[in-house]
Amino acid sequence: MGLYILDTEHNALVAQLDSEPQLIKLDPMDFSTMPSETSQWKPRQLYVEERTLHVPNILPVTPEGINTFALALTVYQSGDNIRADAPGLTREHIRILQDFVVRSW
């Protein structure tokens, strides 16, 4: 899986983290085993992931000190490491999760 911060104004990658799924359990009393590969995931089952994405100390901003970025996600197929396709993805096979604004002064 890949998590990205994209500079939407300049269409550029700002930060990324690619790794295997980082699944977590919301119920601390659930001691069941988590699937170790996405190929083991079950349809209609909700999986929660927690990741830490480090943002660079210096981000590109506009002359006004404001820029919009996007948090994006992609899922790689486990067999060939190619980005999986699904409805609603960009042509690069990523899903934009949320836009956010960074302001500097």
Protein backbone atom coordinates (compact mmCIF):
# COMPACT_ATOMS: atom_id res chain seq x y z
CA MET A 1 0.00 0.00 0.00
CA GLY A 2 1.12 3.53 -0.60
CA LEU A 3 0.18 6.75 1.17
CA TYR A 4 1.10 10.04 -0.50
CA ILE A 5 0.96 13.78 -0.01
CA LEU A 6 0.58 15.48 -3.38
CA ASP A 7 1.11 19.14 -4.23
CA THR A 8 -2.07 19.70 -6.24
CA GLU A 9 -0.99 23.07 -7.66
CA HIS A 10 2.27 21.75 -9.14
CA ASN A 11 1.11 18.14 -9.61
CA ALA A 12 4.11 16.91 -7.61
CA LEU A 13 4.80 14.28 -4.96
CA VAL A 14 5.72 15.83 -1.60
CA ALA A 15 5.94 12.76 0.67
CA GLN A 16 5.27 9.06 0.42
CA LEU A 17 5.25 5.85 2.43
CA ASP A 18 5.03 2.49 0.66
CA SER A 19 4.86 -0.67 2.75
CA GLU A 20 2.78 -3.71 3.58
CA PRO A 21 -0.55 -3.03 5.32
CA GLN A 22 -0.29 -1.71 8.88
CA LEU A 23 -3.55 -3.15 10.24
CA ILE A 24 -4.73 -2.32 13.72
CA LYS A 25 -7.63 -3.52 15.84
CA LEU A 26 -10.11 -1.08 17.27
CA ASP A 27 -11.22 -3.51 19.99
CA PRO A 28 -8.42 -4.07 22.54
CA MET A 29 -10.12 -7.29 23.65
CA ASP A 30 -10.00 -8.81 20.13
CA PHE A 31 -7.15 -11.33 20.14
CA SER A 32 -7.88 -12.84 16.72
CA THR A 33 -5.09 -13.00 14.13
CA MET A 34 -4.93 -10.27 11.51
CA PRO A 35 -4.34 -11.25 7.87
CA SER A 36 -0.71 -10.74 6.90
CA GLU A 37 -1.37 -10.18 3.17
CA THR A 38 -4.07 -8.32 1.25
CA SER A 39 -4.81 -11.55 -0.66
CA GLN A 40 -6.18 -12.90 2.67
CA TRP A 41 -8.64 -10.03 3.13
CA LYS A 42 -12.31 -10.97 3.02
CA PRO A 43 -14.97 -9.13 0.99
CA ARG A 44 -17.21 -6.73 2.95
CA GLN A 45 -14.82 -6.88 5.93
CA LEU A 46 -13.61 -3.53 7.28
CA TYR A 47 -9.86 -3.29 7.87
CA VAL A 48 -8.35 -0.32 9.71
CA GLU A 49 -4.80 0.79 9.07
CA GLU A 50 -2.56 3.21 10.94
CA ARG A 51 0.42 4.86 9.24
CA THR A 52 2.79 7.69 10.02
CA LEU A 53 3.73 9.82 7.05
CA HIS A 54 6.58 12.26 7.65
CA VAL A 55 6.09 15.63 6.02
CA PRO A 56 9.22 17.49 4.86
CA ASN A 57 10.28 20.51 6.91
CA ILE A 58 10.06 22.68 3.82
CA LEU A 59 6.89 22.52 1.74
CA PRO A 60 6.29 24.38 -1.49
CA VAL A 61 3.87 27.27 -0.99
CA THR A 62 2.46 30.02 -3.17
CA PRO A 63 3.68 33.63 -2.88
CA GLU A 64 0.67 34.22 -0.61
CA GLY A 65 1.99 31.51 1.74
CA ILE A 66 -0.89 29.12 1.06
CA ASN A 67 -0.95 25.86 -0.85
CA THR A 68 -3.37 22.99 -1.17
CA PHE A 69 -2.18 19.42 -0.84
CA ALA A 70 -3.96 16.09 -1.18
CA LEU A 71 -3.68 12.95 0.90
CA ALA A 72 -3.83 9.97 -1.47
CA LEU A 73 -3.79 6.18 -1.22
CA THR A 74 -2.99 3.33 -3.58
CA VAL A 75 -3.15 -0.45 -3.18
CA TYR A 76 -0.67 -2.71 -4.94
CA GLN A 77 -1.58 -6.19 -6.13
CA SER A 78 0.43 -8.68 -4.07
CA GLY A 79 1.37 -10.94 -7.00
CA ASP A 80 2.91 -8.42 -9.40
CA ASN A 81 3.21 -5.20 -7.31
CA ILE A 82 1.13 -3.27 -9.87
CA ARG A 83 -1.36 -0.70 -8.59
CA ALA A 84 -4.81 -2.24 -8.32
CA ASP A 85 -7.69 -0.79 -10.32
CA ALA A 86 -11.04 0.16 -8.83
CA PRO A 87 -13.88 2.59 -9.57
CA GLY A 88 -13.20 6.19 -8.57
CA LEU A 89 -9.41 6.10 -8.91
CA THR A 90 -7.30 8.59 -10.87
CA ARG A 91 -5.58 7.47 -14.06
CA GLU A 92 -2.48 6.80 -11.88
CA HIS A 93 -4.64 4.33 -9.89
CA ILE A 94 -4.71 6.37 -6.69
CA ARG A 95 -7.62 7.50 -4.56
CA ILE A 96 -7.62 11.05 -3.29
CA LEU A 97 -8.71 10.78 0.36
CA GLN A 98 -8.76 14.44 1.39
CA ASP A 99 -7.48 17.84 0.36
CA PHE A 100 -5.88 20.06 3.01
CA VAL A 101 -4.36 23.53 3.12
CA VAL A 102 -0.95 24.49 4.50
CA ARG A 103 -0.37 28.12 5.41
CA SER A 104 3.02 29.61 6.18
CA TRP A 105 3.98 33.04 7.44
